[in-house]
Amino acid sequence: MDPRIAHLASFIRDNYHRRLSLAEMAETVKPLTVAALPSFQGVHGDLAERYLTQVRLEKARLLLETEFLTVKEVMNRVGMSDASYFARSFKRHTE
């Protein structure tokens, strides 16, 4: 695995709770550019943004299973703000 891609995956896992843009993700692994981010798909089976969403949803699932939090509190902790998108994505992720 390209160490830059591994670094990007680690960065996403460590910062999933923040609002991350593609440009910021690319900036963390210079000289990897936004144009090179699709190579991330070959390593993790999905684009960087979808990997970020996947990490967030997995963290949300763990929080919902182990903490006494509302859905809104969980969304805030994992960096998601659109309740409708969260609900649809979470349902697909857990089915």
PDB file of N, CA and C in Angstrom:
ATOM      1  N   MET A   1       0.846  -1.181   0.000  1.00  0.00           N
ATOM      2  CA  MET A   1       0.000   0.000   0.000  1.00  0.00           C
ATOM      3  C   MET A   1       0.889   1.242   0.000  1.00  0.00           C
ATOM      4  N   ASP A   2       0.521   2.211  -0.802  1.00  0.00           N
ATOM      5  CA  ASP A   2       1.218   3.488  -0.850  1.00  0.00           C
ATOM      6  C   ASP A   2       1.135   4.123   0.538  1.00  0.00           C
ATOM      7  N   PRO A   3       2.276   4.509   1.127  1.00  0.00           N
ATOM      8  CA  PRO A   3       2.236   5.085   2.478  1.00  0.00           C
ATOM      9  C   PRO A   3       1.407   6.364   2.559  1.00  0.00           C
ATOM     10  N   ARG A   4       1.303   7.095   1.456  1.00  0.00           N
ATOM     11  CA  ARG A   4       0.481   8.310   1.474  1.00  0.00           C
ATOM     12  C   ARG A   4      -0.993   7.950   1.619  1.00  0.00           C
ATOM     13  N   ILE A   5      -1.398   6.870   0.972  1.00  0.00           N
ATOM     14  CA  ILE A   5      -2.787   6.427   1.080  1.00  0.00           C
ATOM     15  C   ILE A   5      -3.064   5.928   2.498  1.00  0.00           C
ATOM     16  N   ALA A   6      -2.122   5.194   3.074  1.00  0.00           N
ATOM     17  CA  ALA A   6      -2.277   4.727   4.450  1.00  0.00           C
ATOM     18  C   ALA A   6      -2.362   5.921   5.400  1.00  0.00           C
ATOM     19  N   HIS A   7      -1.556   6.950   5.146  1.00  0.00           N
ATOM     20  CA  HIS A   7      -1.583   8.153   5.974  1.00  0.00           C
ATOM     21  C   HIS A   7      -2.941   8.844   5.859  1.00  0.00           C
ATOM     22  N   LEU A   8      -3.478   8.921   4.645  1.00  0.00           N
ATOM     23  CA  LEU A   8      -4.784   9.540   4.432  1.00  0.00           C
ATOM     24  C   LEU A   8      -5.872   8.768   5.179  1.00  0.00           C
ATOM     25  N   ALA A   9      -5.847   7.461   5.106  1.00  0.00           N
ATOM     26  CA  ALA A   9      -6.835   6.646   5.820  1.00  0.00           C
ATOM     27  C   ALA A   9      -6.734   6.888   7.329  1.00  0.00           C
ATOM     28  N   SER A  10      -5.524   6.967   7.832  1.00  0.00           N
ATOM     29  CA  SER A  10      -5.311   7.242   9.252  1.00  0.00           C
ATOM     30  C   SER A  10      -5.815   8.639   9.618  1.00  0.00           C
ATOM     31  N   PHE A  11      -5.531   9.615   8.761  1.00  0.00           N
ATOM     32  CA  PHE A  11      -5.991  10.986   8.990  1.00  0.00           C
ATOM     33  C   PHE A  11      -7.515  11.020   9.067  1.00  0.00           C
ATOM     34  N   ILE A  12      -8.180  10.324   8.167  1.00  0.00           N
ATOM     35  CA  ILE A  12      -9.648  10.288   8.173  1.00  0.00           C
ATOM     36  C   ILE A  12     -10.158   9.643   9.456  1.00  0.00           C
ATOM     37  N   ARG A  13      -9.569   8.524   9.855  1.00  0.00           N
ATOM     38  CA  ARG A  13     -10.014   7.858  11.080  1.00  0.00           C
ATOM     39  C   ARG A  13      -9.798   8.731  12.312  1.00  0.00           C
ATOM     40  N   ASP A  14      -8.730   9.535  12.312  1.00  0.00           N
ATOM     41  CA  ASP A  14      -8.432  10.399  13.455  1.00  0.00           C
ATOM     42  C   ASP A  14      -9.243  11.686  13.471  1.00  0.00           C
ATOM     43  N   ASN A  15      -9.757  12.103  12.322  1.00  0.00           N
ATOM     44  CA  ASN A  15     -10.430  13.398  12.214  1.00  0.00           C
ATOM     45  C   ASN A  15     -11.852  13.306  11.670  1.00  0.00           C
ATOM     46  N   TYR A  16     -12.466  12.139  11.745  1.00  0.00           N
ATOM     47  CA  TYR A  16     -13.794  11.925  11.176  1.00  0.00           C
ATOM     48  C   TYR A  16     -14.828  12.886  11.746  1.00  0.00           C
ATOM     49  N   HIS A  17     -14.626  13.349  12.968  1.00  0.00           N
ATOM     50  CA  HIS A  17     -15.594  14.205  13.644  1.00  0.00           C
ATOM     51  C   HIS A  17     -15.571  15.650  13.144  1.00  0.00           C
ATOM     52  N   ARG A  18     -14.549  16.021  12.372  1.00  0.00           N
ATOM     53  CA  ARG A  18     -14.418  17.371  11.829  1.00  0.00           C
ATOM     54  C   ARG A  18     -15.024  17.447  10.434  1.00  0.00           C
ATOM     55  N   ARG A  19     -15.319  18.648   9.982  1.00  0.00           N
ATOM     56  CA  ARG A  19     -15.768  18.851   8.603  1.00  0.00           C
ATOM     57  C   ARG A  19     -14.513  18.827   7.739  1.00  0.00           C
ATOM     58  N   LEU A  20     -14.369  17.789   6.927  1.00  0.00           N
ATOM     59  CA  LEU A  20     -13.187  17.613   6.090  1.00  0.00           C
ATOM     60  C   LEU A  20     -13.550  17.780   4.621  1.00  0.00           C
ATOM     61  N   SER A  21     -12.742  18.538   3.913  1.00  0.00           N
ATOM     62  CA  SER A  21     -12.940  18.687   2.469  1.00  0.00           C
ATOM     63  C   SER A  21     -11.938  17.801   1.744  1.00  0.00           C
ATOM     64  N   LEU A  22     -12.210  17.545   0.479  1.00  0.00           N
ATOM     65  CA  LEU A  22     -11.247  16.789  -0.321  1.00  0.00           C
ATOM     66  C   LEU A  22      -9.906  17.497  -0.364  1.00  0.00           C
ATOM     67  N   ALA A  23      -9.939  18.815  -0.487  1.00  0.00           N
ATOM     68  CA  ALA A  23      -8.683  19.576  -0.543  1.00  0.00           C
ATOM     69  C   ALA A  23      -7.877  19.405   0.743  1.00  0.00           C
ATOM     70  N   GLU A  24      -8.546  19.433   1.896  1.00  0.00           N
ATOM     71  CA  GLU A  24      -7.841  19.243   3.167  1.00  0.00           C
ATOM     72  C   GLU A  24      -7.269  17.834   3.274  1.00  0.00           C
ATOM     73  N   MET A  25      -8.039  16.854   2.823  1.00  0.00           N
ATOM     74  CA  MET A  25      -7.537  15.481   2.864  1.00  0.00           C
ATOM     75  C   MET A  25      -6.314  15.337   1.975  1.00  0.00           C
ATOM     76  N   ALA A  26      -6.359  15.948   0.798  1.00  0.00           N
ATOM     77  CA  ALA A  26      -5.218  15.878  -0.115  1.00  0.00           C
ATOM     78  C   ALA A  26      -4.018  16.619   0.460  1.00  0.00           C
ATOM     79  N   GLU A  27      -4.266  17.723   1.135  1.00  0.00           N
ATOM     80  CA  GLU A  27      -3.188  18.531   1.722  1.00  0.00           C
ATOM     81  C   GLU A  27      -2.390  17.741   2.757  1.00  0.00           C
ATOM     82  N   THR A  28      -3.053  16.813   3.443  1.00  0.00           N
ATOM     83  CA  THR A  28      -2.369  16.059   4.496  1.00  0.00           C
ATOM     84  C   THR A  28      -1.356  15.064   3.963  1.00  0.00           C
ATOM     85  N   VAL A  29      -1.471  14.742   2.690  1.00  0.00           N
ATOM     86  CA  VAL A  29      -0.592  13.717   2.122  1.00  0.00           C
ATOM     87  C   VAL A  29       0.156  14.232   0.895  1.00  0.00           C
ATOM     88  N   LYS A  30       0.589  15.466   0.948  1.00  0.00           N
ATOM     89  CA  LYS A  30       1.359  16.015  -0.176  1.00  0.00           C
ATOM     90  C   LYS A  30       2.454  15.038  -0.542  1.00  0.00           C
ATOM     91  N   PRO A  31       2.776  14.827  -1.776  1.00  0.00           N
ATOM     92  CA  PRO A  31       2.294  15.514  -2.961  1.00  0.00           C
ATOM     93  C   PRO A  31       1.044  14.908  -3.568  1.00  0.00           C
ATOM     94  N   LEU A  32       0.309  14.091  -2.825  1.00  0.00           N
ATOM     95  CA  LEU A  32      -0.958  13.570  -3.340  1.00  0.00           C
ATOM     96  C   LEU A  32      -1.910  14.737  -3.540  1.00  0.00           C
ATOM     97  N   THR A  33      -2.547  14.814  -4.680  1.00  0.00           N
ATOM     98  CA  THR A  33      -3.457  15.910  -4.984  1.00  0.00           C
ATOM     99  C   THR A  33      -4.879  15.399  -5.051  1.00  0.00           C
ATOM    100  N   VAL A  34      -5.813  16.324  -5.128  1.00  0.00           N
ATOM    101  CA  VAL A  34      -7.219  15.945  -5.239  1.00  0.00           C
ATOM    102  C   VAL A  34      -7.415  15.040  -6.454  1.00  0.00           C
ATOM    103  N   ALA A  35      -6.691  15.326  -7.521  1.00  0.00           N
ATOM    104  CA  ALA A  35      -6.800  14.507  -8.733  1.00  0.00           C
ATOM    105  C   ALA A  35      -6.349  13.074  -8.484  1.00  0.00           C
ATOM    106  N   ALA A  36      -5.452  12.865  -7.526  1.00  0.00           N
ATOM    107  CA  ALA A  36      -4.945  11.526  -7.236  1.00  0.00           C
ATOM    108  C   ALA A  36      -5.809  10.784  -6.223  1.00  0.00           C
ATOM    109  N   LEU A  37      -6.747  11.463  -5.588  1.00  0.00           N
ATOM    110  CA  LEU A  37      -7.566  10.811  -4.570  1.00  0.00           C
ATOM    111  C   LEU A  37      -8.340   9.597  -5.063  1.00  0.00           C
ATOM    112  N   PRO A  38      -8.757   9.533  -6.325  1.00  0.00           N
ATOM    113  CA  PRO A  38      -9.441   8.302  -6.747  1.00  0.00           C
ATOM    114  C   PRO A  38      -8.608   7.032  -6.570  1.00  0.00           C
ATOM    115  N   SER A  39      -7.271   7.142  -6.501  1.00  0.00           N
ATOM    116  CA  SER A  39      -6.457   5.950  -6.258  1.00  0.00           C
ATOM    117  C   SER A  39      -6.750   5.375  -4.878  1.00  0.00           C
ATOM    118  N   PHE A  40      -7.301   6.182  -4.005  1.00  0.00           N
ATOM    119  CA  PHE A  40      -7.716   5.732  -2.681  1.00  0.00           C
ATOM    120  C   PHE A  40      -8.768   4.638  -2.806  1.00  0.00           C
ATOM    121  N   GLN A  41      -9.546   4.691  -3.873  1.00  0.00           N
ATOM    122  CA  GLN A  41     -10.613   3.711  -4.092  1.00  0.00           C
ATOM    123  C   GLN A  41     -10.054   2.297  -4.168  1.00  0.00           C
ATOM    124  N   GLY A  42      -8.917   2.131  -4.813  1.00  0.00           N
ATOM    125  CA  GLY A  42      -8.340   0.801  -4.960  1.00  0.00           C
ATOM    126  C   GLY A  42      -7.910   0.195  -3.649  1.00  0.00           C
ATOM    127  N   VAL A  43      -7.584   1.018  -2.667  1.00  0.00           N
ATOM    128  CA  VAL A  43      -7.107   0.527  -1.385  1.00  0.00           C
ATOM    129  C   VAL A  43      -8.262   0.216  -0.443  1.00  0.00           C
ATOM    130  N   HIS A  44      -9.249   1.075  -0.381  1.00  0.00           N
ATOM    131  CA  HIS A  44     -10.329   0.922   0.587  1.00  0.00           C
ATOM    132  C   HIS A  44     -11.677   0.606  -0.033  1.00  0.00           C
ATOM    133  N   GLY A  45     -11.698   0.414  -1.361  1.00  0.00           N
ATOM    134  CA  GLY A  45     -12.941   0.033  -2.005  1.00  0.00           C
ATOM    135  C   GLY A  45     -13.913   1.178  -2.180  1.00  0.00           C
ATOM    136  N   ASP A  46     -13.470   2.396  -1.928  1.00  0.00           N
ATOM    137  CA  ASP A  46     -14.357   3.528  -2.077  1.00  0.00           C
ATOM    138  C   ASP A  46     -13.550   4.813  -2.143  1.00  0.00           C
ATOM    139  N   LEU A  47     -14.185   5.880  -2.593  1.00  0.00           N
ATOM    140  CA  LEU A  47     -13.522   7.169  -2.642  1.00  0.00           C
ATOM    141  C   LEU A  47     -13.307   7.704  -1.234  1.00  0.00           C
ATOM    142  N   ALA A  48     -12.387   8.647  -1.096  1.00  0.00           N
ATOM    143  CA  ALA A  48     -12.049   9.195   0.216  1.00  0.00           C
ATOM    144  C   ALA A  48     -13.265   9.741   0.949  1.00  0.00           C
ATOM    145  N   GLU A  49     -14.142  10.436   0.249  1.00  0.00           N
ATOM    146  CA  GLU A  49     -15.329  10.982   0.916  1.00  0.00           C
ATOM    147  C   GLU A  49     -16.244   9.872   1.417  1.00  0.00           C
ATOM    148  N   ARG A  50     -16.391   8.847   0.628  1.00  0.00           N
ATOM    149  CA  ARG A  50     -17.242   7.730   1.068  1.00  0.00           C
ATOM    150  C   ARG A  50     -16.584   6.968   2.210  1.00  0.00           C
ATOM    151  N   TYR A  51     -15.271   6.870   2.176  1.00  0.00           N
ATOM    152  CA  TYR A  51     -14.563   6.223   3.287  1.00  0.00           C
ATOM    153  C   TYR A  51     -14.786   7.028   4.561  1.00  0.00           C
ATOM    154  N   LEU A  52     -14.716   8.365   4.451  1.00  0.00           N
ATOM    155  CA  LEU A  52     -14.984   9.228   5.597  1.00  0.00           C
ATOM    156  C   LEU A  52     -16.385   8.967   6.135  1.00  0.00           C
ATOM    157  N   THR A  53     -17.366   8.896   5.267  1.00  0.00           N
ATOM    158  CA  THR A  53     -18.740   8.616   5.691  1.00  0.00           C
ATOM    159  C   THR A  53     -18.837   7.246   6.347  1.00  0.00           C
ATOM    160  N   GLN A  54     -18.154   6.273   5.783  1.00  0.00           N
ATOM    161  CA  GLN A  54     -18.172   4.923   6.355  1.00  0.00           C
ATOM    162  C   GLN A  54     -17.595   4.921   7.769  1.00  0.00           C
ATOM    163  N   VAL A  55     -16.478   5.622   7.965  1.00  0.00           N
ATOM    164  CA  VAL A  55     -15.868   5.706   9.296  1.00  0.00           C
ATOM    165  C   VAL A  55     -16.839   6.387  10.257  1.00  0.00           C
ATOM    166  N   ARG A  56     -17.450   7.483   9.815  1.00  0.00           N
ATOM    167  CA  ARG A  56     -18.406   8.199  10.667  1.00  0.00           C
ATOM    168  C   ARG A  56     -19.579   7.311  11.055  1.00  0.00           C
ATOM    169  N   LEU A  57     -20.115   6.576  10.109  1.00  0.00           N
ATOM    170  CA  LEU A  57     -21.262   5.716  10.402  1.00  0.00           C
ATOM    171  C   LEU A  57     -20.899   4.575  11.339  1.00  0.00           C
ATOM    172  N   GLU A  58     -19.712   4.039  11.195  1.00  0.00           N
ATOM    173  CA  GLU A  58     -19.281   2.980  12.109  1.00  0.00           C
ATOM    174  C   GLU A  58     -19.113   3.535  13.528  1.00  0.00           C
ATOM    175  N   LYS A  59     -18.539   4.728  13.644  1.00  0.00           N
ATOM    176  CA  LYS A  59     -18.412   5.365  14.967  1.00  0.00           C
ATOM    177  C   LYS A  59     -19.791   5.659  15.541  1.00  0.00           C
ATOM    178  N   ALA A  60     -20.726   6.108  14.701  1.00  0.00           N
ATOM    179  CA  ALA A  60     -22.089   6.383  15.152  1.00  0.00           C
ATOM    180  C   ALA A  60     -22.747   5.107  15.665  1.00  0.00           C
ATOM    181  N   ARG A  61     -22.567   4.019  14.934  1.00  0.00           N
ATOM    182  CA  ARG A  61     -23.144   2.736  15.369  1.00  0.00           C
ATOM    183  C   ARG A  61     -22.613   2.349  16.743  1.00  0.00           C
ATOM    184  N   LEU A  62     -21.310   2.489  16.946  1.00  0.00           N
ATOM    185  CA  LEU A  62     -20.720   2.156  18.242  1.00  0.00           C
ATOM    186  C   LEU A  62     -21.263   3.053  19.352  1.00  0.00           C
ATOM    187  N   LEU A  63     -21.389   4.347  19.062  1.00  0.00           N
ATOM    188  CA  LEU A  63     -21.927   5.260  20.071  1.00  0.00           C
ATOM    189  C   LEU A  63     -23.367   4.917  20.418  1.00  0.00           C
ATOM    190  N   LEU A  64     -24.164   4.608  19.418  1.00  0.00           N
ATOM    191  CA  LEU A  64     -25.563   4.273  19.677  1.00  0.00           C
ATOM    192  C   LEU A  64     -25.702   2.973  20.469  1.00  0.00           C
ATOM    193  N   GLU A  65     -24.772   2.064  20.270  1.00  0.00           N
ATOM    194  CA  GLU A  65     -24.813   0.780  20.983  1.00  0.00           C
ATOM    195  C   GLU A  65     -24.278   0.881  22.404  1.00  0.00           C
ATOM    196  N   THR A  66     -23.376   1.822  22.660  1.00  0.00           N
ATOM    197  CA  THR A  66     -22.682   1.831  23.950  1.00  0.00           C
ATOM    198  C   THR A  66     -22.955   3.042  24.831  1.00  0.00           C
ATOM    199  N   GLU A  67     -23.530   4.099  24.281  1.00  0.00           N
ATOM    200  CA  GLU A  67     -23.758   5.334  25.044  1.00  0.00           C
ATOM    201  C   GLU A  67     -25.249   5.640  25.090  1.00  0.00           C
ATOM    202  N   PHE A  68     -25.634   6.412  26.052  1.00  0.00           N
ATOM    203  CA  PHE A  68     -27.018   6.875  26.148  1.00  0.00           C
ATOM    204  C   PHE A  68     -27.084   8.283  25.576  1.00  0.00           C
ATOM    205  N   LEU A  69     -27.047   8.356  24.244  1.00  0.00           N
ATOM    206  CA  LEU A  69     -27.043   9.622  23.536  1.00  0.00           C
ATOM    207  C   LEU A  69     -28.221   9.679  22.575  1.00  0.00           C
ATOM    208  N   THR A  70     -28.666  10.891  22.293  1.00  0.00           N
ATOM    209  CA  THR A  70     -29.693  11.050  21.266  1.00  0.00           C
ATOM    210  C   THR A  70     -29.024  10.922  19.901  1.00  0.00           C
ATOM    211  N   VAL A  71     -29.842  10.719  18.885  1.00  0.00           N
ATOM    212  CA  VAL A  71     -29.308  10.630  17.523  1.00  0.00           C
ATOM    213  C   VAL A  71     -28.610  11.931  17.158  1.00  0.00           C
ATOM    214  N   LYS A  72     -29.189  13.056  17.551  1.00  0.00           N
ATOM    215  CA  LYS A  72     -28.580  14.357  17.259  1.00  0.00           C
ATOM    216  C   LYS A  72     -27.206  14.481  17.926  1.00  0.00           C
ATOM    217  N   GLU A  73     -27.078  14.021  19.159  1.00  0.00           N
ATOM    218  CA  GLU A  73     -25.784  14.058  19.845  1.00  0.00           C
ATOM    219  C   GLU A  73     -24.761  13.175  19.133  1.00  0.00           C
ATOM    220  N   VAL A  74     -25.203  12.018  18.689  1.00  0.00           N
ATOM    221  CA  VAL A  74     -24.307  11.112  17.959  1.00  0.00           C
ATOM    222  C   VAL A  74     -23.869  11.756  16.652  1.00  0.00           C
ATOM    223  N   MET A  75     -24.814  12.339  15.930  1.00  0.00           N
ATOM    224  CA  MET A  75     -24.471  13.013  14.667  1.00  0.00           C
ATOM    225  C   MET A  75     -23.421  14.092  14.896  1.00  0.00           C
ATOM    226  N   ASN A  76     -23.604  14.894  15.930  1.00  0.00           N
ATOM    227  CA  ASN A  76     -22.634  15.952  16.226  1.00  0.00           C
ATOM    228  C   ASN A  76     -21.258  15.387  16.557  1.00  0.00           C
ATOM    229  N   ARG A  77     -21.229  14.302  17.293  1.00  0.00           N
ATOM    230  CA  ARG A  77     -19.944  13.706  17.672  1.00  0.00           C
ATOM    231  C   ARG A  77     -19.188  13.118  16.484  1.00  0.00           C
ATOM    232  N   VAL A  78     -19.926  12.666  15.481  1.00  0.00           N
ATOM    233  CA  VAL A  78     -19.252  12.056  14.325  1.00  0.00           C
ATOM    234  C   VAL A  78     -19.107  13.020  13.149  1.00  0.00           C
ATOM    235  N   GLY A  79     -19.497  14.279  13.353  1.00  0.00           N
ATOM    236  CA  GLY A  79     -19.270  15.282  12.323  1.00  0.00           C
ATOM    237  C   GLY A  79     -20.302  15.325  11.211  1.00  0.00           C
ATOM    238  N   MET A  80     -21.504  14.871  11.490  1.00  0.00           N
ATOM    239  CA  MET A  80     -22.567  14.902  10.481  1.00  0.00           C
ATOM    240  C   MET A  80     -23.652  15.862  10.961  1.00  0.00           C
ATOM    241  N   SER A  81     -24.231  16.626  10.027  1.00  0.00           N
ATOM    242  CA  SER A  81     -25.215  17.622  10.431  1.00  0.00           C
ATOM    243  C   SER A  81     -26.574  17.467   9.757  1.00  0.00           C
ATOM    244  N   ASP A  82     -26.644  16.718   8.692  1.00  0.00           N
ATOM    245  CA  ASP A  82     -27.908  16.541   7.963  1.00  0.00           C
ATOM    246  C   ASP A  82     -28.588  15.262   8.460  1.00  0.00           C
ATOM    247  N   ALA A  83     -29.665  15.447   9.231  1.00  0.00           N
ATOM    248  CA  ALA A  83     -30.339  14.300   9.851  1.00  0.00           C
ATOM    249  C   ALA A  83     -30.913  13.344   8.818  1.00  0.00           C
ATOM    250  N   SER A  84     -31.449  13.869   7.739  1.00  0.00           N
ATOM    251  CA  SER A  84     -32.028  13.020   6.707  1.00  0.00           C
ATOM    252  C   SER A  84     -30.950  12.161   6.041  1.00  0.00           C
ATOM    253  N   TYR A  85     -29.844  12.795   5.678  1.00  0.00           N
ATOM    254  CA  TYR A  85     -28.729  12.066   5.066  1.00  0.00           C
ATOM    255  C   TYR A  85     -28.168  11.029   6.039  1.00  0.00           C
ATOM    256  N   PHE A  86     -28.032  11.418   7.301  1.00  0.00           N
ATOM    257  CA  PHE A  86     -27.529  10.497   8.313  1.00  0.00           C
ATOM    258  C   PHE A  86     -28.427   9.267   8.419  1.00  0.00           C
ATOM    259  N   ALA A  87     -29.739   9.497   8.499  1.00  0.00           N
ATOM    260  CA  ALA A  87     -30.678   8.381   8.655  1.00  0.00           C
ATOM    261  C   ALA A  87     -30.619   7.429   7.467  1.00  0.00           C
ATOM    262  N   ARG A  88     -30.626   7.993   6.244  1.00  0.00           N
ATOM    263  CA  ARG A  88     -30.570   7.135   5.045  1.00  0.00           C
ATOM    264  C   ARG A  88     -29.253   6.364   5.000  1.00  0.00           C
ATOM    265  N   SER A  89     -28.162   7.063   5.246  1.00  0.00           N
ATOM    266  CA  SER A  89     -26.846   6.430   5.184  1.00  0.00           C
ATOM    267  C   SER A  89     -26.684   5.376   6.259  1.00  0.00           C
ATOM    268  N   PHE A  90     -27.148   5.694   7.464  1.00  0.00           N
ATOM    269  CA  PHE A  90     -27.023   4.754   8.579  1.00  0.00           C
ATOM    270  C   PHE A  90     -27.815   3.488   8.307  1.00  0.00           C
ATOM    271  N   LYS A  91     -28.997   3.659   7.756  1.00  0.00           N
ATOM    272  CA  LYS A  91     -29.828   2.498   7.433  1.00  0.00           C
ATOM    273  C   LYS A  91     -29.125   1.609   6.421  1.00  0.00           C
ATOM    274  N   ARG A  92     -28.585   2.210   5.361  1.00  0.00           N
ATOM    275  CA  ARG A  92     -27.861   1.421   4.342  1.00  0.00           C
ATOM    276  C   ARG A  92     -26.620   0.755   4.939  1.00  0.00           C
ATOM    277  N   HIS A  93     -25.931   1.465   5.815  1.00  0.00           N
ATOM    278  CA  HIS A  93     -24.695   0.954   6.407  1.00  0.00           C
ATOM    279  C   HIS A  93     -24.946  -0.241   7.337  1.00  0.00           C
ATOM    280  N   THR A  94     -26.074  -0.231   8.005  1.00  0.00           N
ATOM    281  CA  THR A  94     -26.328  -1.285   8.992  1.00  0.00           C
ATOM    282  C   THR A  94     -27.167  -2.437   8.480  1.00  0.00           C
ATOM    283  N   GLU A  95     -27.641  -2.344   7.248  1.00  0.00           N
ATOM    284  CA  GLU A  95     -28.438  -3.449   6.703  1.00  0.00           C
ATOM    285  C   GLU A  95     -27.576  -4.553   6.207  1.00  0.00           C
TER     286      GLU A  95
END
